[in-house]
Amino acid sequence: MSNSIPKSAFDFLLALRENNNRDWMQEHKKEYLANEEKLKSFYSEVEKGLNEADEIAKVKIF
């Protein structure tokens, strides 16, 4: 698997933990969207790998 969760995603989540409010999130929306796209790519690769051995339902992230 060539994809991985980037450090920036963890950095964002750590900052979010300290600033869990609407204003901060609005200020960091571009960062959120960039990380969301990378994470979806990672999830897609994991799903492909899992489907090689078994058929799984649609990936859902909470």
Protein backbone atom coordinates (compact mmCIF):
# COMPACT_ATOMS: atom_id res chain seq x y z
CA MET A 1 0.00 0.00 0.00
CA SER A 2 1.59 3.23 -1.12
CA ASN A 3 -0.79 5.61 0.65
CA SER A 4 -0.49 6.50 4.30
CA ILE A 5 -2.10 8.94 6.68
CA PRO A 6 -0.03 12.12 6.48
CA LYS A 7 1.43 13.73 9.58
CA SER A 8 -0.49 16.90 8.67
CA ALA A 9 -3.76 15.06 9.35
CA PHE A 10 -2.63 14.17 12.86
CA ASP A 11 -1.36 17.72 13.41
CA PHE A 12 -4.73 19.07 12.31
CA LEU A 13 -6.61 16.74 14.66
CA LEU A 14 -4.38 17.71 17.59
CA ALA A 15 -4.99 21.40 16.89
CA LEU A 16 -8.71 20.75 16.53
CA ARG A 17 -8.77 19.07 19.93
CA GLU A 18 -7.50 22.33 21.46
CA ASN A 19 -9.68 24.59 19.29
CA ASN A 20 -12.93 22.75 18.81
CA ASN A 21 -15.07 25.71 17.80
CA ARG A 22 -16.73 27.04 14.67
CA ASP A 23 -14.53 30.11 14.26
CA TRP A 24 -11.30 28.10 14.35
CA MET A 25 -12.71 25.52 11.97
CA GLN A 26 -13.77 28.20 9.48
CA GLU A 27 -10.24 29.67 9.60
CA HIS A 28 -8.71 26.23 8.91
CA LYS A 29 -11.22 24.90 6.38
CA LYS A 30 -8.66 24.68 3.53
CA GLU A 31 -6.38 22.60 5.76
CA TYR A 32 -9.31 20.37 6.67
CA LEU A 33 -10.29 19.84 3.02
CA ALA A 34 -6.71 19.04 1.99
CA ASN A 35 -6.41 16.41 4.72
CA GLU A 36 -9.88 15.04 4.00
CA GLU A 37 -8.88 14.29 0.42
CA LYS A 38 -5.66 12.52 1.53
CA LEU A 39 -7.57 10.47 4.10
CA LYS A 40 -10.22 9.42 1.58
CA SER A 41 -7.45 8.22 -0.71
CA PHE A 42 -5.96 6.20 2.17
CA TYR A 43 -9.37 4.72 3.04
CA SER A 44 -9.86 3.76 -0.59
CA GLU A 45 -6.57 1.85 -0.61
CA VAL A 46 -7.48 0.05 2.62
CA GLU A 47 -10.87 -0.87 1.15
CA LYS A 48 -9.20 -2.30 -1.98
CA GLY A 49 -6.88 -4.40 0.16
CA LEU A 50 -9.72 -5.72 2.30
CA ASN A 51 -11.79 -6.56 -0.75
CA GLU A 52 -9.01 -8.81 -2.04
CA ALA A 53 -9.81 -11.29 0.74
CA ASP A 54 -13.47 -10.55 1.41
CA GLU A 55 -16.24 -8.31 0.14
CA ILE A 56 -16.86 -5.48 2.56
CA ALA A 57 -19.66 -2.96 2.76
CA LYS A 58 -19.10 0.65 1.78
CA VAL A 59 -16.43 2.31 3.92
CA LYS A 60 -17.95 4.66 6.50
CA ILE A 61 -15.85 7.04 8.53
CA PHE A 62 -17.13 8.52 11.78
